[in-house]
N, C-alpha and C. Protein backbone atom coordinates (compact mmCIF):
# COMPACT_ATOMS: atom_id res chain seq x y z
N UNK A 1 0.43 -1.34 0.17
CA UNK A 1 -0.15 0.21 0.43
C UNK A 1 0.82 0.98 -0.29
N UNK A 2 0.73 2.28 -0.45
CA UNK A 2 1.17 4.12 -0.55
C UNK A 2 0.44 3.92 0.74
N UNK A 3 2.18 4.73 0.85
CA UNK A 3 2.69 5.94 2.49
C UNK A 3 2.20 6.95 1.67
N UNK A 4 1.76 7.73 2.13
CA UNK A 4 0.74 8.93 1.50
C UNK A 4 1.05 10.37 2.19
N UNK A 5 2.45 10.57 2.58
CA UNK A 5 2.51 11.77 3.41
C UNK A 5 3.27 13.34 2.85
N UNK A 6 3.24 13.73 1.70
CA UNK A 6 2.94 14.69 0.78
C UNK A 6 2.25 14.69 -0.76
N UNK A 7 1.00 15.68 -0.55
CA UNK A 7 0.15 15.79 -1.24
C UNK A 7 -0.08 16.90 -1.61
N UNK A 8 0.57 16.99 -3.20
CA UNK A 8 -0.01 18.50 -4.46
C UNK A 8 -0.89 18.45 -4.92
N UNK A 9 -1.98 19.88 -4.63
CA UNK A 9 -3.31 19.87 -6.00
C UNK A 9 -3.07 20.77 -6.09
N UNK A 10 -2.94 20.96 -7.97
CA UNK A 10 -3.28 22.73 -7.99
C UNK A 10 -4.00 22.98 -8.31
N UNK A 11 -4.89 24.26 -8.64
CA UNK A 11 -6.57 24.62 -8.96
C UNK A 11 -6.04 25.69 -9.86
N UNK A 12 -7.53 25.64 -10.48
CA UNK A 12 -7.36 27.17 -10.97
C UNK A 12 -8.82 27.88 -10.49
N UNK A 13 -9.56 27.42 -9.28
CA UNK A 13 -9.99 28.09 -9.24
C UNK A 13 -11.53 28.06 -9.92
N UNK A 14 -11.92 27.14 -10.64
CA UNK A 14 -13.25 26.83 -11.07
C UNK A 14 -13.84 25.19 -10.09
N UNK A 15 -15.21 25.26 -9.93
CA UNK A 15 -15.77 24.69 -9.06
C UNK A 15 -14.75 23.25 -8.61
N UNK A 16 -14.52 22.59 -10.20
CA UNK A 16 -14.29 21.23 -10.28
C UNK A 16 -13.02 21.07 -9.12
N UNK A 17 -11.86 22.51 -9.45
CA UNK A 17 -11.00 22.25 -8.88
C UNK A 17 -11.04 22.34 -6.91
N UNK A 18 -11.99 23.24 -6.66
CA UNK A 18 -12.30 23.10 -5.44
C UNK A 18 -12.86 22.05 -5.12
N UNK A 19 -13.41 20.76 -5.58
CA UNK A 19 -14.08 19.22 -5.10
C UNK A 19 -12.28 19.28 -4.89
N UNK A 20 -11.88 18.83 -5.76
CA UNK A 20 -11.08 18.65 -6.25
C UNK A 20 -9.61 18.26 -5.16
N UNK A 21 -9.92 19.52 -4.83
CA UNK A 21 -8.79 20.61 -3.17
C UNK A 21 -10.34 19.69 -2.07
N UNK A 22 -11.46 19.98 -1.47
CA UNK A 22 -11.96 19.23 -0.57
C UNK A 22 -10.95 18.29 -0.21
N UNK A 23 -11.43 16.85 -1.78
CA UNK A 23 -11.01 15.97 -1.55
C UNK A 23 -9.34 15.39 -1.51
N UNK A 24 -8.40 16.28 -1.64
CA UNK A 24 -7.67 16.06 -1.30
C UNK A 24 -6.66 16.12 0.07
N UNK A 25 -7.63 16.91 0.70
CA UNK A 25 -7.61 17.52 2.26
C UNK A 25 -8.30 16.02 3.09
N UNK A 26 -9.34 15.87 3.08
CA UNK A 26 -10.20 14.62 3.36
C UNK A 26 -8.90 14.17 3.13
N UNK A 27 -8.26 13.97 2.31
CA UNK A 27 -6.91 12.53 1.99
C UNK A 27 -5.94 12.77 2.82
N UNK A 28 -5.39 13.61 2.59
CA UNK A 28 -4.39 14.15 3.34
C UNK A 28 -5.09 14.83 4.58
N UNK A 29 -5.34 14.91 5.16
CA UNK A 29 -5.90 14.62 7.13
C UNK A 29 -5.90 12.66 7.39
N UNK A 30 -6.73 12.05 6.78
CA UNK A 30 -7.10 10.52 6.55
C UNK A 30 -5.62 9.89 7.00
N UNK A 31 -4.41 10.44 6.66
CA UNK A 31 -2.89 10.39 6.40
C UNK A 31 -2.59 11.11 6.73
N UNK A 32 -2.36 12.13 7.62
CA UNK A 32 -1.96 13.07 8.15
C UNK A 32 -0.53 13.90 7.22
N UNK A 33 -0.68 14.11 6.08
CA UNK A 33 0.19 14.40 5.57
C UNK A 33 0.58 15.59 5.03
N UNK A 34 0.97 16.06 4.53
CA UNK A 34 1.74 17.59 3.77
C UNK A 34 0.40 17.56 2.95
N UNK A 35 -0.02 19.07 2.42
CA UNK A 35 -0.92 20.10 1.49
C UNK A 35 -0.76 20.80 1.19
N UNK A 36 -0.10 20.84 -0.39
CA UNK A 36 0.28 21.87 -0.90
C UNK A 36 -0.57 22.08 -1.74
N UNK A 37 -1.39 23.76 -2.30
CA UNK A 37 -2.19 23.57 -3.24
C UNK A 37 -1.37 24.71 -3.94
N UNK A 38 -1.63 24.21 -5.19
CA UNK A 38 -0.17 25.27 -5.65
C UNK A 38 -1.55 25.65 -7.05
N UNK A 39 -1.50 26.68 -7.93
CA UNK A 39 -1.80 27.78 -8.90
C UNK A 39 -0.99 28.08 -9.53
N UNK A 40 -0.66 28.14 -10.82
CA UNK A 40 0.35 28.08 -11.82
C UNK A 40 -0.01 29.86 -12.17
N UNK A 41 0.47 30.60 -12.57
CA UNK A 41 -0.33 31.74 -13.04
C UNK A 41 0.86 31.92 -14.21
N UNK A 42 0.30 31.77 -15.62
CA UNK A 42 1.00 31.59 -16.54
C UNK A 42 0.88 33.32 -17.67
N UNK A 43 1.99 33.88 -17.44
CA UNK A 43 1.58 35.18 -17.89
C UNK A 43 1.59 35.61 -19.14
N UNK A 44 0.40 36.81 -19.63
CA UNK A 44 0.20 37.16 -21.00
C UNK A 44 1.10 36.81 -21.82
N UNK A 45 1.46 36.29 -23.21
CA UNK A 45 2.16 36.99 -23.70
C UNK A 45 1.62 37.07 -25.08
N UNK A 46 2.24 39.05 -26.02
CA UNK A 46 2.18 38.87 -27.05
C UNK A 46 2.98 39.74 -27.86
N UNK A 47 2.72 39.17 -29.50
CA UNK A 47 3.60 39.19 -30.37
C UNK A 47 3.24 40.99 -30.28
N UNK A 48 5.43 41.76 -30.23
CA UNK A 48 5.39 42.66 -30.38
C UNK A 48 4.46 44.07 -30.64
N UNK A 49 3.69 43.10 -32.13
CA UNK A 49 3.44 44.27 -32.75
C UNK A 49 2.27 44.56 -32.13
N UNK A 50 1.93 44.35 -31.28
CA UNK A 50 0.44 44.65 -29.91
C UNK A 50 1.12 45.86 -29.02
N UNK A 51 2.11 46.32 -29.24
CA UNK A 51 2.14 47.28 -28.23
C UNK A 51 2.00 46.84 -26.53
N UNK A 52 2.26 45.42 -26.59
CA UNK A 52 1.08 45.91 -25.33
C UNK A 52 2.86 44.93 -24.18
N UNK A 53 3.99 44.65 -24.98
CA UNK A 53 4.94 44.49 -24.07
C UNK A 53 4.96 45.99 -22.52
N UNK A 54 5.32 46.54 -23.39
CA UNK A 54 4.76 47.64 -22.54
C UNK A 54 3.83 47.95 -21.55
N UNK A 55 2.62 47.16 -21.09
CA UNK A 55 1.99 47.37 -20.19
C UNK A 55 2.77 45.80 -19.58
N UNK A 56 3.35 44.75 -19.85
CA UNK A 56 4.05 44.08 -19.05
C UNK A 56 5.24 45.13 -17.76
N UNK A 57 5.55 45.88 -18.17
CA UNK A 57 6.75 47.07 -17.87
C UNK A 57 6.12 48.03 -16.63
N UNK A 58 4.63 47.77 -16.88
CA UNK A 58 4.29 48.85 -16.51
C UNK A 58 3.54 48.06 -14.96
N UNK A 59 3.87 46.78 -14.64
CA UNK A 59 2.77 46.33 -13.83
C UNK A 59 1.76 45.44 -13.86
N UNK A 60 1.39 46.05 -15.33
CA UNK A 60 -0.06 45.31 -15.09
C UNK A 60 0.12 43.43 -15.16
N UNK A 61 1.33 42.53 -15.14
CA UNK A 61 1.23 41.41 -14.98
C UNK A 61 1.67 41.05 -13.03
N UNK A 62 2.61 41.76 -12.99
CA UNK A 62 2.74 41.74 -11.23
C UNK A 62 1.46 41.84 -10.14
N UNK A 63 0.58 42.65 -10.79
CA UNK A 63 -1.71 42.60 -10.39
C UNK A 63 -1.92 42.25 -10.08
N UNK A 64 -2.03 40.87 -11.62
CA UNK A 64 -2.49 40.29 -12.14
C UNK A 64 -2.28 38.26 -10.66
N UNK A 65 -0.68 38.45 -10.77
CA UNK A 65 0.00 37.40 -10.15
C UNK A 65 -0.53 38.20 -8.49
N UNK A 66 -0.73 38.78 -7.89
CA UNK A 66 -0.56 39.28 -7.29
C UNK A 66 -2.45 38.86 -6.00
N UNK A 67 -3.48 39.66 -7.60
CA UNK A 67 -4.77 38.85 -7.34
C UNK A 67 -5.23 37.51 -7.31
N UNK A 68 -3.23 36.66 -7.82
CA UNK A 68 -3.66 35.08 -7.89
C UNK A 68 -3.98 34.55 -6.78
N UNK A 69 -2.31 35.62 -5.79
CA UNK A 69 -1.86 34.99 -4.56
C UNK A 69 -3.49 35.70 -3.96
N UNK A 70 -3.65 36.65 -2.99
CA UNK A 70 -4.66 36.52 -3.08
C UNK A 70 -5.72 35.64 -2.75
N UNK A 71 -6.35 35.64 -4.33
CA UNK A 71 -7.70 34.31 -4.22
C UNK A 71 -7.14 33.05 -3.76
N UNK A 72 -5.95 32.56 -4.17
CA UNK A 72 -5.38 31.11 -3.56
C UNK A 72 -5.20 31.61 -2.03
N UNK A 73 -5.65 32.42 -1.89
CA UNK A 73 -5.17 32.47 0.08
C UNK A 73 -6.67 32.07 0.88
N UNK A 74 -7.91 33.28 -0.03
CA UNK A 74 -9.36 33.21 0.65
C UNK A 74 -9.53 31.45 0.25
N UNK A 75 -8.77 31.39 -1.02
CA UNK A 75 -9.51 30.13 -1.24
C UNK A 75 -9.20 28.84 -0.01
N UNK A 76 -7.49 28.63 0.48
CA UNK A 76 -7.08 27.50 1.52
C UNK A 76 -7.03 28.18 2.91
N UNK A 77 -8.09 29.24 3.47
CA UNK A 77 -8.10 29.97 4.48
C UNK A 77 -9.08 28.95 5.24
N UNK A 78 -10.11 28.60 4.73
CA UNK A 78 -11.06 27.84 5.74
C UNK A 78 -10.71 26.25 5.99
N UNK A 79 -9.65 25.65 4.90
CA UNK A 79 -8.93 24.63 5.53
C UNK A 79 -7.41 24.66 6.07
N UNK A 80 -7.55 25.92 6.01
CA UNK A 80 -6.18 26.06 7.10
C UNK A 80 -6.08 26.62 8.76
N UNK A 81 -8.13 26.24 9.00
CA UNK A 81 -8.59 26.91 10.13
C UNK A 81 -8.71 25.43 11.07
N UNK A 82 -8.95 24.37 9.52
CA UNK A 82 -9.53 23.21 10.49
C UNK A 82 -8.12 22.76 10.21
N UNK A 83 -7.54 22.69 10.33
CA UNK A 83 -6.34 21.32 8.64
C UNK A 83 -6.17 20.45 10.09
N UNK A 84 -5.38 20.75 10.97
CA UNK A 84 -3.97 19.39 11.81
C UNK A 84 -3.37 19.41 11.00
N UNK A 85 -2.79 19.47 10.08
CA UNK A 85 -1.66 18.81 9.07
C UNK A 85 -1.14 20.51 8.53
N UNK A 86 -0.04 19.95 8.09
CA UNK A 86 0.62 20.84 7.45
C UNK A 86 0.14 21.34 5.86
N UNK A 87 -0.52 22.61 5.97
CA UNK A 87 -0.59 23.13 4.52
C UNK A 87 -0.20 24.30 4.07
N UNK A 88 -0.10 24.49 2.58
CA UNK A 88 0.54 25.50 1.89
C UNK A 88 0.29 26.07 0.75
N UNK A 89 0.16 27.47 0.44
CA UNK A 89 0.21 27.75 -0.35
C UNK A 89 1.16 28.25 -2.05
N UNK A 90 0.43 27.78 -2.39
CA UNK A 90 1.97 28.55 -3.36
C UNK A 90 1.19 29.20 -5.04
N UNK A 91 2.50 30.11 -5.44
CA UNK A 91 1.75 31.20 -6.44
C UNK A 91 2.65 31.12 -7.77
N UNK A 92 3.23 29.67 -8.32
CA UNK A 92 4.13 29.11 -9.19
C UNK A 92 3.61 29.88 -10.34
N UNK A 93 4.66 30.78 -11.09
CA UNK A 93 5.30 31.10 -12.42
C UNK A 93 5.63 30.49 -13.98
N UNK A 94 4.58 30.36 -15.46
CA UNK A 94 5.70 29.44 -16.38
C UNK A 94 3.99 28.61 -16.57
N UNK A 95 4.90 27.44 -17.28
CA UNK A 95 3.97 26.60 -18.07
C UNK A 95 3.30 26.03 -16.94
N UNK A 96 1.97 25.35 -16.73
CA UNK A 96 0.76 24.53 -15.85
C UNK A 96 1.57 23.52 -16.00
N UNK A 97 1.91 22.84 -16.64
CA UNK A 97 2.21 21.23 -16.11
C UNK A 97 3.14 20.79 -16.17
N UNK A 98 4.60 21.84 -17.15
CA UNK A 98 5.68 21.41 -16.44
C UNK A 98 5.84 22.61 -14.97
N UNK A 99 5.28 22.86 -14.69
CA UNK A 99 5.00 23.58 -12.70
C UNK A 99 4.79 22.82 -12.08
N UNK A 100 3.89 22.19 -12.27
CA UNK A 100 3.47 21.50 -11.07
C UNK A 100 4.05 20.03 -10.94
N UNK A 101 4.52 19.09 -12.73
CA UNK A 101 5.27 18.11 -12.39
C UNK A 101 6.79 18.49 -11.09
N UNK A 102 7.28 19.69 -12.12
CA UNK A 102 8.65 20.23 -11.42
C UNK A 102 8.75 20.34 -9.93
N UNK A 103 7.08 21.50 -9.50
CA UNK A 103 6.59 21.60 -7.99
C UNK A 103 7.65 20.16 -6.99
N UNK A 104 5.82 19.06 -7.98
CA UNK A 104 5.81 17.87 -7.36
C UNK A 104 7.47 17.11 -6.99
N UNK A 105 7.83 16.73 -8.22
CA UNK A 105 9.54 16.47 -7.91
C UNK A 105 10.29 17.21 -6.71
N UNK A 106 10.60 18.01 -7.00
CA UNK A 106 11.26 19.03 -6.19
C UNK A 106 11.12 18.77 -4.66
N UNK A 107 9.83 18.68 -4.21
CA UNK A 107 9.50 19.15 -2.78
C UNK A 107 9.25 17.29 -2.25
N UNK A 108 8.76 16.52 -3.05
CA UNK A 108 9.13 15.54 -2.68
C UNK A 108 8.07 14.75 -2.70
N UNK A 109 6.68 14.84 -3.22
CA UNK A 109 5.20 15.09 -3.11
C UNK A 109 5.76 13.60 -3.60
N UNK A 110 4.35 12.84 -2.75
CA UNK A 110 4.22 11.29 -3.11
C UNK A 110 2.46 11.37 -4.10
N UNK A 111 1.56 12.07 -4.43
CA UNK A 111 0.76 12.51 -5.16
C UNK A 111 0.30 13.60 -5.35
N UNK A 112 -0.36 13.74 -6.61
CA UNK A 112 -1.03 14.44 -7.15
C UNK A 112 -2.06 14.40 -7.66
N UNK A 113 -2.97 15.24 -7.11
CA UNK A 113 -4.42 15.41 -7.36
C UNK A 113 -4.73 15.90 -8.48
N UNK A 114 -5.25 16.01 -9.87
CA UNK A 114 -5.51 16.70 -10.94
C UNK A 114 -6.54 16.67 -10.88
N UNK A 115 -8.15 17.75 -11.24
CA UNK A 115 -9.45 17.50 -11.64
C UNK A 115 -9.00 17.47 -13.51
N UNK A 116 -10.19 16.87 -13.30
CA UNK A 116 -9.87 15.80 -15.46
C UNK A 116 -10.48 17.27 -15.98
N UNK A 117 -11.05 18.33 -15.33
CA UNK A 117 -11.08 19.50 -15.86
C UNK A 117 -11.47 20.94 -15.70
N UNK A 118 -11.01 21.62 -15.63
CA UNK A 118 -11.41 23.35 -15.16
C UNK A 118 -12.64 24.10 -15.61
N UNK A 119 -12.41 25.06 -16.12
CA UNK A 119 -12.88 25.66 -16.50
C UNK A 119 -13.52 25.80 -17.88
N UNK A 120 -14.45 26.41 -18.58
CA UNK A 120 -15.65 26.37 -19.42
C UNK A 120 -14.70 26.46 -20.79
N UNK A 121 -15.18 26.01 -21.70
CA UNK A 121 -14.82 26.93 -23.30
C UNK A 121 -13.10 26.40 -23.29
N UNK A 122 -12.70 27.44 -24.09
CA UNK A 122 -10.90 27.18 -24.37
C UNK A 122 -10.30 26.44 -23.15
N UNK A 123 -10.41 27.68 -22.21
CA UNK A 123 -10.03 26.92 -20.73
C UNK A 123 -10.08 25.52 -20.13
N UNK A 124 -11.64 24.85 -20.61
CA UNK A 124 -11.78 23.54 -20.62
C UNK A 124 -10.68 22.63 -21.04
N UNK A 125 -10.59 23.22 -22.19
CA UNK A 125 -9.80 22.60 -23.01
C UNK A 125 -8.30 23.01 -22.84
N UNK A 126 -7.96 23.61 -22.24
CA UNK A 126 -6.51 23.76 -22.04
C UNK A 126 -6.35 23.21 -20.55
N UNK A 127 -7.21 23.16 -19.58
CA UNK A 127 -6.54 22.71 -17.95
C UNK A 127 -7.33 21.03 -18.68
N UNK A 128 -8.15 21.09 -19.86
CA UNK A 128 -7.98 19.11 -19.77
C UNK A 128 -6.33 18.81 -20.26
N UNK A 129 -5.83 19.44 -21.24
CA UNK A 129 -4.96 18.77 -22.00
C UNK A 129 -3.31 19.71 -20.70
N UNK A 130 -3.76 19.91 -19.72
CA UNK A 130 -2.81 20.31 -18.63
C UNK A 130 -2.53 18.82 -17.63
N UNK A 131 -3.96 19.10 -17.82
CA UNK A 131 -4.54 17.23 -16.77
C UNK A 131 -3.72 16.29 -17.77
N UNK A 132 -4.11 16.22 -18.74
CA UNK A 132 -3.44 14.91 -19.58
C UNK A 132 -2.00 14.95 -19.37
N UNK A 133 -0.96 16.06 -20.19
CA UNK A 133 0.33 16.52 -19.79
C UNK A 133 0.82 16.11 -18.00
N UNK A 134 0.26 16.21 -17.69
CA UNK A 134 0.38 15.70 -15.56
C UNK A 134 0.97 14.37 -15.77
N UNK A 135 -0.29 14.28 -16.23
CA UNK A 135 -0.35 12.83 -16.36
C UNK A 135 0.67 12.09 -17.02
N UNK A 136 1.68 12.08 -18.31
CA UNK A 136 2.38 11.95 -18.85
C UNK A 136 3.51 12.13 -18.40
N UNK A 137 4.06 13.04 -18.23
CA UNK A 137 5.37 13.88 -17.48
C UNK A 137 5.95 13.68 -15.71
N UNK A 138 4.94 13.31 -15.41
CA UNK A 138 5.14 13.75 -13.55
C UNK A 138 5.49 12.29 -13.55
N UNK A 139 7.02 12.73 -12.45
CA UNK A 139 7.31 11.40 -12.14
C UNK A 139 7.11 11.02 -11.05
N UNK A 140 5.37 11.74 -10.23
CA UNK A 140 5.10 11.13 -8.71
C UNK A 140 3.71 10.85 -9.44
N UNK A 141 3.31 9.67 -8.70
CA UNK A 141 2.19 9.71 -8.76
C UNK A 141 0.85 10.18 -8.93
N UNK A 142 -0.18 10.04 -10.69
CA UNK A 142 -0.90 11.24 -10.30
C UNK A 142 -2.56 10.65 -10.25
N UNK A 143 -3.34 12.01 -9.66
CA UNK A 143 -4.76 10.71 -9.80
C UNK A 143 -5.54 11.85 -10.19
N UNK A 144 -6.64 11.12 -11.04
CA UNK A 144 -7.06 11.79 -11.52
C UNK A 144 -8.16 12.77 -11.14
N UNK A 145 -9.05 13.89 -10.66
CA UNK A 145 -9.94 13.61 -10.13
C UNK A 145 -11.36 14.31 -10.91
N UNK A 146 -12.75 13.32 -11.13
CA UNK A 146 -13.62 13.51 -11.51
C UNK A 146 -14.68 14.28 -11.16
N UNK A 147 -15.93 14.99 -11.47
CA UNK A 147 -15.82 16.05 -10.91
C UNK A 147 -17.27 15.11 -10.58
N UNK A 148 -18.52 15.14 -8.95
CA UNK A 148 -19.63 14.03 -8.90
C UNK A 148 -20.22 15.56 -8.31
N UNK A 149 -21.49 15.54 -9.54
CA UNK A 149 -22.06 16.53 -9.40
C UNK A 149 -22.36 17.35 -8.56
N UNK A 150 -23.54 18.28 -7.73
CA UNK A 150 -23.71 18.53 -6.33
C UNK A 150 -24.94 17.78 -5.57
N UNK A 151 -25.68 17.26 -7.03
CA UNK A 151 -26.74 16.74 -6.37
C UNK A 151 -26.29 15.18 -4.90
N UNK A 152 -25.48 14.19 -6.09
CA UNK A 152 -24.70 13.30 -5.77
C UNK A 152 -23.59 13.63 -4.65
N UNK A 153 -23.20 14.75 -4.58
CA UNK A 153 -22.29 14.94 -3.38
C UNK A 153 -23.19 14.48 -2.08
N UNK A 154 -24.32 16.50 -2.34
CA UNK A 154 -24.90 15.71 -0.67
C UNK A 154 -26.02 14.44 -0.23
N UNK A 155 -25.77 13.98 -1.89
CA UNK A 155 -26.61 12.64 -1.67
C UNK A 155 -25.14 11.42 -0.32
N UNK A 156 -24.10 12.21 -0.74
CA UNK A 156 -22.83 11.49 -0.77
C UNK A 156 -22.67 11.44 0.79
N UNK A 157 -22.92 12.08 1.07
CA UNK A 157 -22.49 12.92 2.47
C UNK A 157 -23.30 12.89 3.57
């Protein structure tokens, strides 16, 4: 049986990633494991002909990164209050799948819990591909969390 002492759960703040966080938190509590909640900030890139590079120089991206950090702290606050386990939140920057895999390996994580998809539309496609890339490239075991409907969750509880 796998000894779980360190769990990583990435979030994009979608409902499914919040469900995955709740699941990861319960699992971490049961195993007295450390839980790291990770949000990867992918800085927007613009071709130079848009002239948007100047915006990046004047603090637009740092403000967005700060907003992500604030949102992440708000997301984990209720869990920290009831934790009983070591729980940390991290905002990383770069390509999501690469950062998640690298963070898990460097932290010596035993398990990554990642939702099957997050946001809708194009974001849905992108996060789905993030989950797929994490499954393919992580050196850490990956549990792919599939959403269960709100009705199913209330019946299960």
